[in-house]
């Protein structure tokens, strides 16, 4: 499975990419801004995404909406409280920061089931 990584923190993006690779999936990206993430969704070429909801101080809900419109499953990666996630996206798997390899593995299994 090819996973688009939407993450603005370079160290977190590298860790997530390593985790995805260790779990025998392919990482794409990272998309570091809302604009880059929207372009990646438009271009396609990936099966699912793990998306940070705060990209350089900008909320990424437009990206979530674009993925939902394109029927691309995604997980939300966040250190924020669950209450900050709009009800429209409460169905998405949540990857709480800081996360472990096992957490990423669980989320990837959920995403794979949605493909």
N, C-alpha and C. Protein backbone atom coordinates (compact mmCIF):
# COMPACT_ATOMS: atom_id res chain seq x y z
N UNK A 1 0.85 -1.16 0.00
CA UNK A 1 0.00 0.00 0.00
C UNK A 1 0.90 1.23 0.00
N UNK A 2 0.56 2.23 -0.81
CA UNK A 2 1.32 3.47 -0.87
C UNK A 2 0.58 4.51 -0.02
N UNK A 3 1.32 5.09 0.95
CA UNK A 3 0.74 6.00 1.93
C UNK A 3 1.30 7.41 1.74
N UNK A 4 0.42 8.38 1.48
CA UNK A 4 0.83 9.77 1.43
C UNK A 4 0.99 10.28 2.85
N UNK A 5 2.14 10.85 3.15
CA UNK A 5 2.40 11.43 4.46
C UNK A 5 2.21 12.93 4.36
N UNK A 6 1.32 13.45 5.18
CA UNK A 6 1.04 14.89 5.21
C UNK A 6 1.49 15.36 6.58
N UNK A 7 2.67 15.95 6.62
CA UNK A 7 3.30 16.30 7.90
C UNK A 7 4.29 17.45 7.67
N UNK A 8 4.22 18.49 8.51
CA UNK A 8 5.09 19.65 8.34
C UNK A 8 6.35 19.61 9.20
N UNK A 9 6.42 18.72 10.16
CA UNK A 9 7.61 18.62 11.01
C UNK A 9 8.56 17.58 10.42
N UNK A 10 9.74 18.01 9.93
CA UNK A 10 10.65 17.09 9.25
C UNK A 10 11.02 15.83 10.05
N UNK A 11 11.30 15.98 11.33
CA UNK A 11 11.69 14.81 12.14
C UNK A 11 10.54 13.82 12.28
N UNK A 12 9.33 14.33 12.46
CA UNK A 12 8.16 13.45 12.56
C UNK A 12 7.91 12.78 11.22
N UNK A 13 8.05 13.53 10.13
CA UNK A 13 7.85 12.96 8.80
C UNK A 13 8.85 11.84 8.53
N UNK A 14 10.12 12.05 8.93
CA UNK A 14 11.14 11.01 8.72
C UNK A 14 10.84 9.77 9.56
N UNK A 15 10.43 9.97 10.80
CA UNK A 15 10.07 8.84 11.66
C UNK A 15 8.89 8.08 11.07
N UNK A 16 7.88 8.80 10.65
CA UNK A 16 6.70 8.16 10.07
C UNK A 16 7.05 7.40 8.79
N UNK A 17 7.90 8.00 7.97
CA UNK A 17 8.35 7.32 6.75
C UNK A 17 9.09 6.02 7.10
N UNK A 18 9.96 6.07 8.10
CA UNK A 18 10.67 4.86 8.54
C UNK A 18 9.68 3.80 9.02
N UNK A 19 8.70 4.20 9.81
CA UNK A 19 7.69 3.25 10.31
C UNK A 19 6.92 2.62 9.16
N UNK A 20 6.49 3.43 8.20
CA UNK A 20 5.74 2.91 7.05
C UNK A 20 6.60 1.91 6.28
N UNK A 21 7.87 2.25 6.06
CA UNK A 21 8.79 1.35 5.35
C UNK A 21 9.00 0.05 6.13
N UNK A 22 9.20 0.16 7.46
CA UNK A 22 9.41 -1.03 8.29
C UNK A 22 8.21 -1.97 8.26
N UNK A 23 7.04 -1.41 8.00
CA UNK A 23 5.82 -2.20 7.97
C UNK A 23 5.48 -2.68 6.55
N UNK A 24 6.48 -2.60 5.66
CA UNK A 24 6.38 -3.11 4.29
C UNK A 24 5.34 -2.39 3.44
N UNK A 25 5.23 -1.09 3.67
CA UNK A 25 4.40 -0.24 2.81
C UNK A 25 5.32 0.82 2.22
N UNK A 26 4.79 1.56 1.25
CA UNK A 26 5.59 2.59 0.59
C UNK A 26 5.09 3.97 1.01
N UNK A 27 6.02 4.83 1.39
CA UNK A 27 5.67 6.19 1.78
C UNK A 27 5.80 7.13 0.59
N UNK A 28 4.87 8.07 0.48
CA UNK A 28 4.92 9.14 -0.52
C UNK A 28 4.92 10.46 0.23
N UNK A 29 5.55 11.44 -0.36
CA UNK A 29 5.61 12.75 0.29
C UNK A 29 6.90 12.90 1.06
N UNK A 30 6.91 13.70 2.06
CA UNK A 30 5.75 14.29 2.73
C UNK A 30 5.27 15.57 2.05
N UNK A 31 3.97 15.79 2.15
CA UNK A 31 3.38 17.07 1.79
C UNK A 31 3.42 17.91 3.06
N UNK A 32 4.06 19.07 3.00
CA UNK A 32 4.31 19.86 4.21
C UNK A 32 3.36 21.03 4.40
N UNK A 33 2.54 21.34 3.39
CA UNK A 33 1.60 22.45 3.46
C UNK A 33 0.24 21.98 2.97
N UNK A 34 -0.78 22.76 3.29
CA UNK A 34 -2.13 22.44 2.80
C UNK A 34 -2.13 22.44 1.28
N UNK A 35 -1.47 23.42 0.68
CA UNK A 35 -1.43 23.51 -0.78
C UNK A 35 -0.76 22.29 -1.40
N UNK A 36 0.36 21.87 -0.83
CA UNK A 36 1.07 20.68 -1.36
C UNK A 36 0.22 19.43 -1.18
N UNK A 37 -0.47 19.33 -0.06
CA UNK A 37 -1.31 18.16 0.18
C UNK A 37 -2.49 18.13 -0.79
N UNK A 38 -3.11 19.29 -1.04
CA UNK A 38 -4.22 19.34 -2.01
C UNK A 38 -3.74 18.96 -3.40
N UNK A 39 -2.54 19.41 -3.77
CA UNK A 39 -1.97 19.05 -5.07
C UNK A 39 -1.72 17.55 -5.14
N UNK A 40 -1.22 16.96 -4.07
CA UNK A 40 -0.96 15.51 -4.04
C UNK A 40 -2.26 14.73 -4.17
N UNK A 41 -3.30 15.19 -3.50
CA UNK A 41 -4.60 14.50 -3.61
C UNK A 41 -5.10 14.60 -5.04
N UNK A 42 -4.96 15.75 -5.64
CA UNK A 42 -5.39 15.94 -7.03
C UNK A 42 -4.61 15.05 -8.00
N UNK A 43 -3.31 14.92 -7.75
CA UNK A 43 -2.45 14.10 -8.61
C UNK A 43 -2.69 12.61 -8.41
N UNK A 44 -3.09 12.21 -7.20
CA UNK A 44 -3.33 10.80 -6.90
C UNK A 44 -2.04 10.00 -6.83
N UNK A 45 -2.16 8.70 -7.08
CA UNK A 45 -1.00 7.83 -7.07
C UNK A 45 -0.68 7.23 -5.72
N UNK A 46 -1.59 7.32 -4.77
CA UNK A 46 -1.40 6.70 -3.48
C UNK A 46 -2.73 6.08 -3.04
N UNK A 47 -2.64 5.15 -2.10
CA UNK A 47 -3.81 4.38 -1.68
C UNK A 47 -4.52 4.96 -0.46
N UNK A 48 -3.76 5.60 0.42
CA UNK A 48 -4.30 6.13 1.66
C UNK A 48 -3.33 7.20 2.16
N UNK A 49 -3.73 7.90 3.23
CA UNK A 49 -2.88 8.97 3.74
C UNK A 49 -2.92 8.99 5.27
N UNK A 50 -1.82 9.49 5.82
CA UNK A 50 -1.76 9.84 7.24
C UNK A 50 -1.53 11.34 7.26
N UNK A 51 -2.46 12.06 7.87
CA UNK A 51 -2.52 13.50 7.75
C UNK A 51 -2.44 14.20 9.10
N UNK A 52 -1.44 15.05 9.26
CA UNK A 52 -1.38 15.95 10.40
C UNK A 52 -2.46 17.01 10.16
N UNK A 53 -3.19 17.38 11.20
CA UNK A 53 -4.27 18.35 10.99
C UNK A 53 -3.82 19.80 11.10
N UNK A 54 -2.60 20.03 11.57
CA UNK A 54 -2.09 21.38 11.70
C UNK A 54 -0.79 21.48 10.91
N UNK A 55 -0.86 22.12 9.76
CA UNK A 55 0.30 22.25 8.88
C UNK A 55 0.77 23.69 8.87
N UNK A 56 1.88 23.94 9.53
CA UNK A 56 2.44 25.29 9.59
C UNK A 56 1.41 26.30 10.08
N UNK A 57 0.63 25.91 11.08
CA UNK A 57 -0.36 26.80 11.67
C UNK A 57 -1.68 26.87 10.93
N UNK A 58 -1.81 26.13 9.85
CA UNK A 58 -3.04 26.12 9.05
C UNK A 58 -3.74 24.77 9.22
N UNK A 59 -5.02 24.79 9.54
CA UNK A 59 -5.78 23.55 9.68
C UNK A 59 -5.96 22.92 8.30
N UNK A 60 -5.90 21.60 8.25
CA UNK A 60 -5.90 20.86 6.98
C UNK A 60 -7.24 20.20 6.68
N UNK A 61 -8.32 20.76 7.17
CA UNK A 61 -9.62 20.12 6.93
C UNK A 61 -10.03 20.13 5.46
N UNK A 62 -9.55 21.11 4.68
CA UNK A 62 -9.83 21.10 3.24
C UNK A 62 -9.20 19.87 2.58
N UNK A 63 -8.05 19.47 3.08
CA UNK A 63 -7.38 18.28 2.56
C UNK A 63 -8.21 17.04 2.89
N UNK A 64 -8.69 16.96 4.12
CA UNK A 64 -9.54 15.83 4.51
C UNK A 64 -10.79 15.77 3.63
N UNK A 65 -11.38 16.93 3.36
CA UNK A 65 -12.55 16.97 2.49
C UNK A 65 -12.24 16.51 1.07
N UNK A 66 -11.08 16.91 0.56
CA UNK A 66 -10.67 16.49 -0.79
C UNK A 66 -10.45 14.98 -0.84
N UNK A 67 -9.84 14.43 0.21
CA UNK A 67 -9.63 12.98 0.23
C UNK A 67 -10.96 12.24 0.33
N UNK A 68 -11.86 12.74 1.15
CA UNK A 68 -13.17 12.10 1.26
C UNK A 68 -13.90 12.15 -0.08
N UNK A 69 -13.84 13.29 -0.77
CA UNK A 69 -14.49 13.43 -2.07
C UNK A 69 -13.89 12.47 -3.10
N UNK A 70 -12.59 12.19 -2.96
CA UNK A 70 -11.90 11.28 -3.87
C UNK A 70 -11.95 9.82 -3.40
N UNK A 71 -12.66 9.56 -2.30
CA UNK A 71 -12.78 8.21 -1.72
C UNK A 71 -11.43 7.62 -1.35
N UNK A 72 -10.54 8.45 -0.82
CA UNK A 72 -9.23 8.01 -0.36
C UNK A 72 -9.27 7.92 1.16
N UNK A 73 -9.04 6.74 1.73
CA UNK A 73 -9.05 6.64 3.18
C UNK A 73 -7.85 7.37 3.79
N UNK A 74 -8.07 7.95 4.97
CA UNK A 74 -7.00 8.67 5.63
C UNK A 74 -7.13 8.54 7.14
N UNK A 75 -6.00 8.68 7.79
CA UNK A 75 -5.94 8.74 9.25
C UNK A 75 -5.50 10.13 9.63
N UNK A 76 -5.96 10.57 10.78
CA UNK A 76 -5.58 11.87 11.30
C UNK A 76 -4.48 11.67 12.33
N UNK A 77 -3.40 12.41 12.15
CA UNK A 77 -2.28 12.38 13.08
C UNK A 77 -2.29 13.69 13.84
N UNK A 78 -2.37 13.60 15.17
CA UNK A 78 -2.48 14.83 15.94
C UNK A 78 -2.05 14.65 17.38
N UNK A 79 -1.54 15.72 17.92
CA UNK A 79 -1.28 15.79 19.35
C UNK A 79 -2.38 16.55 20.06
N UNK A 80 -3.36 17.02 19.31
CA UNK A 80 -4.47 17.81 19.85
C UNK A 80 -5.51 16.91 20.50
N UNK A 81 -6.39 17.52 21.22
CA UNK A 81 -7.49 16.78 21.85
C UNK A 81 -8.46 16.27 20.80
N UNK A 82 -9.06 15.12 21.06
CA UNK A 82 -10.03 14.55 20.14
C UNK A 82 -11.16 15.52 19.84
N UNK A 83 -11.49 16.39 20.79
CA UNK A 83 -12.60 17.32 20.61
C UNK A 83 -12.34 18.35 19.52
N UNK A 84 -11.09 18.49 19.08
CA UNK A 84 -10.77 19.42 18.01
C UNK A 84 -11.07 18.86 16.63
N UNK A 85 -11.43 17.60 16.56
CA UNK A 85 -11.73 16.97 15.27
C UNK A 85 -13.21 17.15 14.97
N UNK A 86 -13.53 17.80 13.83
CA UNK A 86 -14.93 17.99 13.49
C UNK A 86 -15.67 16.66 13.35
N UNK A 87 -16.93 16.68 13.66
CA UNK A 87 -17.75 15.46 13.60
C UNK A 87 -17.71 14.81 12.22
N UNK A 88 -17.56 15.62 11.17
CA UNK A 88 -17.50 15.09 9.80
C UNK A 88 -16.35 14.11 9.61
N UNK A 89 -15.30 14.24 10.44
CA UNK A 89 -14.11 13.41 10.27
C UNK A 89 -13.86 12.49 11.45
N UNK A 90 -14.83 12.37 12.33
CA UNK A 90 -14.68 11.52 13.52
C UNK A 90 -14.52 10.04 13.15
N UNK A 91 -14.92 9.67 11.94
CA UNK A 91 -14.81 8.28 11.48
C UNK A 91 -13.36 7.89 11.17
N UNK A 92 -12.52 8.88 10.90
CA UNK A 92 -11.14 8.59 10.49
C UNK A 92 -10.34 8.03 11.66
N UNK A 93 -9.50 7.04 11.39
CA UNK A 93 -8.62 6.55 12.46
C UNK A 93 -7.76 7.70 12.99
N UNK A 94 -7.49 7.66 14.28
CA UNK A 94 -6.70 8.71 14.91
C UNK A 94 -5.36 8.15 15.37
N UNK A 95 -4.30 8.79 14.93
CA UNK A 95 -2.94 8.44 15.32
C UNK A 95 -2.45 9.54 16.25
N UNK A 96 -2.54 9.28 17.55
CA UNK A 96 -2.20 10.28 18.56
C UNK A 96 -0.69 10.41 18.70
N UNK A 97 -0.21 11.66 18.65
CA UNK A 97 1.21 11.94 18.87
C UNK A 97 1.46 12.03 20.37
N UNK A 98 2.57 11.55 20.85
CA UNK A 98 3.60 10.78 20.13
C UNK A 98 3.12 9.34 19.92
N UNK A 99 3.49 8.76 18.81
CA UNK A 99 3.04 7.41 18.50
C UNK A 99 4.23 6.46 18.35
N UNK A 100 3.89 5.18 18.38
CA UNK A 100 4.89 4.12 18.27
C UNK A 100 4.71 3.37 16.96
N UNK A 101 5.63 2.48 16.67
CA UNK A 101 5.51 1.63 15.50
C UNK A 101 4.22 0.82 15.57
N UNK A 102 3.88 0.31 16.73
CA UNK A 102 2.64 -0.47 16.87
C UNK A 102 1.41 0.38 16.59
N UNK A 103 1.43 1.65 17.00
CA UNK A 103 0.31 2.55 16.70
C UNK A 103 0.14 2.74 15.20
N UNK A 104 1.25 2.96 14.51
CA UNK A 104 1.21 3.15 13.05
C UNK A 104 0.73 1.86 12.38
N UNK A 105 1.20 0.73 12.87
CA UNK A 105 0.76 -0.55 12.30
C UNK A 105 -0.75 -0.71 12.44
N UNK A 106 -1.30 -0.38 13.58
CA UNK A 106 -2.76 -0.48 13.78
C UNK A 106 -3.51 0.43 12.81
N UNK A 107 -3.03 1.65 12.65
CA UNK A 107 -3.70 2.59 11.74
C UNK A 107 -3.60 2.11 10.29
N UNK A 108 -2.46 1.60 9.90
CA UNK A 108 -2.32 1.10 8.52
C UNK A 108 -3.25 -0.08 8.26
N UNK A 109 -3.44 -0.93 9.24
CA UNK A 109 -4.40 -2.04 9.09
C UNK A 109 -5.81 -1.50 8.91
N UNK A 110 -6.17 -0.47 9.66
CA UNK A 110 -7.50 0.13 9.51
C UNK A 110 -7.67 0.75 8.13
N UNK A 111 -6.63 1.46 7.67
CA UNK A 111 -6.70 2.07 6.35
C UNK A 111 -6.80 1.04 5.24
N UNK A 112 -6.03 -0.04 5.38
CA UNK A 112 -6.05 -1.10 4.37
C UNK A 112 -7.44 -1.72 4.27
N UNK A 113 -8.11 -1.85 5.40
CA UNK A 113 -9.46 -2.42 5.40
C UNK A 113 -10.45 -1.50 4.68
N UNK A 114 -10.13 -0.21 4.59
CA UNK A 114 -11.03 0.76 3.95
C UNK A 114 -10.79 0.91 2.46
N UNK A 115 -9.76 0.25 1.95
CA UNK A 115 -9.45 0.38 0.51
C UNK A 115 -10.31 -0.56 -0.29
